[in-house]
Amino acid sequence: MCAVNIYNIHNNPDVWDKPEEFRPERFLDADGKICHEETIMPFGAGKRICPAEVLARLSSFTYFASLLQRYTFELPEGHPMPDPYPEVGIANVPKKFHALIKHRY
């Protein structure tokens, strides 16, 4: 079996300038439209690509847009920034961190 290491592809400094920084603008072209680069593969590649990629893209956008519309996300005072590096295992998962989520009225 061969599996694509998506974490290493998306964090490759040869491809991305400062991959550890959150910079969504790097995925936009000069006109502000989303780039479709071969190096962006959040749903896998080849025979192992997610069969529901179209549905996942649409529902992910709707889900996160509704969260950002209804809530404000902050770092609680006195808590460090979340570690950008995941816990590596069968699946990479974020390390535990604290967040303050406030409902927008």
Protein backbone atom coordinates (compact mmCIF):
# COMPACT_ATOMS: atom_id res chain seq x y z
CA MET A 1 0.00 0.00 0.00
CA CYS A 2 1.14 3.52 -0.75
CA ALA A 3 -0.30 6.54 1.06
CA VAL A 4 0.25 10.24 0.40
CA ASN A 5 1.73 12.19 3.31
CA ILE A 6 -0.48 15.28 3.00
CA TYR A 7 1.02 16.94 6.07
CA ASN A 8 4.51 16.99 4.53
CA ILE A 9 3.20 18.15 1.14
CA HIS A 10 1.30 21.06 2.70
CA ASN A 11 4.25 22.03 4.94
CA ASN A 12 7.07 21.78 2.39
CA PRO A 13 9.23 24.95 2.59
CA ASP A 14 10.44 24.31 -1.00
CA VAL A 15 6.84 24.89 -2.18
CA TRP A 16 5.39 27.25 0.43
CA ASP A 17 7.01 30.40 1.79
CA LYS A 18 6.88 30.06 5.61
CA PRO A 19 4.45 27.09 5.67
CA GLU A 20 4.07 27.31 9.46
CA GLU A 21 2.32 30.71 9.17
CA PHE A 22 -1.44 30.98 8.63
CA ARG A 23 -1.69 32.96 5.40
CA PRO A 24 -4.87 32.16 3.43
CA GLU A 25 -3.96 34.73 0.77
CA ARG A 26 -1.33 32.33 -0.57
CA PHE A 27 -4.20 30.30 -2.08
CA LEU A 28 -5.53 33.27 -4.09
CA ASP A 29 -4.41 34.48 -7.51
CA ALA A 30 -3.89 38.13 -8.51
CA ASP A 31 -7.67 38.54 -9.08
CA GLY A 32 -8.53 37.19 -5.61
CA LYS A 33 -9.85 33.87 -6.93
CA ILE A 34 -8.91 30.51 -5.44
CA CYS A 35 -5.87 28.86 -7.07
CA HIS A 36 -6.10 25.19 -7.90
CA GLU A 37 -2.50 24.14 -7.43
CA GLU A 38 -1.36 20.53 -7.73
CA THR A 39 0.34 20.92 -4.34
CA ILE A 40 -2.98 21.54 -2.55
CA MET A 41 -4.53 18.13 -1.81
CA PRO A 42 -6.69 18.24 1.31
CA PHE A 43 -8.72 15.24 0.11
CA GLY A 44 -5.90 12.94 -0.91
CA ALA A 45 -4.60 11.96 -4.33
CA GLY A 46 -4.77 9.20 -6.90
CA LYS A 47 -6.77 6.06 -6.17
CA ARG A 48 -7.13 7.03 -2.52
CA ILE A 49 -8.83 10.40 -3.13
CA CYS A 50 -11.98 11.07 -1.13
CA PRO A 51 -15.00 9.95 -3.19
CA ALA A 52 -17.16 12.69 -1.66
CA GLU A 53 -14.71 15.54 -2.30
CA VAL A 54 -17.29 17.82 -3.96
CA LEU A 55 -19.78 17.35 -1.13
CA ALA A 56 -17.02 17.78 1.47
CA ARG A 57 -15.82 21.05 -0.08
CA LEU A 58 -19.32 22.52 -0.17
CA SER A 59 -20.34 21.39 3.30
CA SER A 60 -16.98 22.41 4.85
CA PHE A 61 -17.33 25.93 3.49
CA THR A 62 -20.93 26.23 4.73
CA TYR A 63 -20.07 24.79 8.14
CA PHE A 64 -17.07 27.05 8.80
CA ALA A 65 -18.76 30.15 7.35
CA SER A 66 -21.73 29.64 9.69
CA LEU A 67 -19.38 29.21 12.68
CA LEU A 68 -17.51 32.40 11.85
CA GLN A 69 -20.80 34.22 11.32
CA ARG A 70 -22.23 33.20 14.72
CA TYR A 71 -19.17 33.06 16.99
CA THR A 72 -15.96 34.93 17.80
CA PHE A 73 -12.92 32.74 18.45
CA GLU A 74 -10.21 34.06 20.79
CA LEU A 75 -7.22 32.87 22.74
CA PRO A 76 -7.98 33.09 26.50
CA GLU A 77 -5.74 35.43 28.48
CA GLY A 78 -2.69 33.70 29.90
CA HIS A 79 -2.84 30.74 27.52
CA PRO A 80 -0.16 30.10 24.87
CA MET A 81 -0.85 29.98 21.15
CA PRO A 82 -1.81 26.49 19.95
CA ASP A 83 1.09 24.35 18.78
CA PRO A 84 0.98 24.29 14.95
CA TYR A 85 2.50 20.81 14.82
CA PRO A 86 0.12 17.85 15.11
CA GLU A 87 0.39 14.71 17.17
CA VAL A 88 1.58 12.19 14.62
CA GLY A 89 0.01 8.77 14.46
CA ILE A 90 -2.27 6.86 12.11
CA ALA A 91 -4.06 10.17 11.71
CA ASN A 92 -2.51 13.54 12.52
CA VAL A 93 -4.55 15.37 15.14
CA PRO A 94 -4.06 18.80 16.72
CA LYS A 95 -2.55 18.95 20.18
CA LYS A 96 -4.84 20.07 22.99
CA PHE A 97 -5.29 23.82 23.36
CA HIS A 98 -7.62 26.34 24.98
CA ALA A 99 -9.98 28.60 23.01
CA LEU A 100 -12.59 31.12 24.05
CA ILE A 101 -15.69 30.95 21.86
CA LYS A 102 -18.17 33.80 22.25
CA HIS A 103 -21.64 33.85 20.72
CA ARG A 104 -22.33 36.92 18.57
CA TYR A 105 -25.70 38.41 19.44
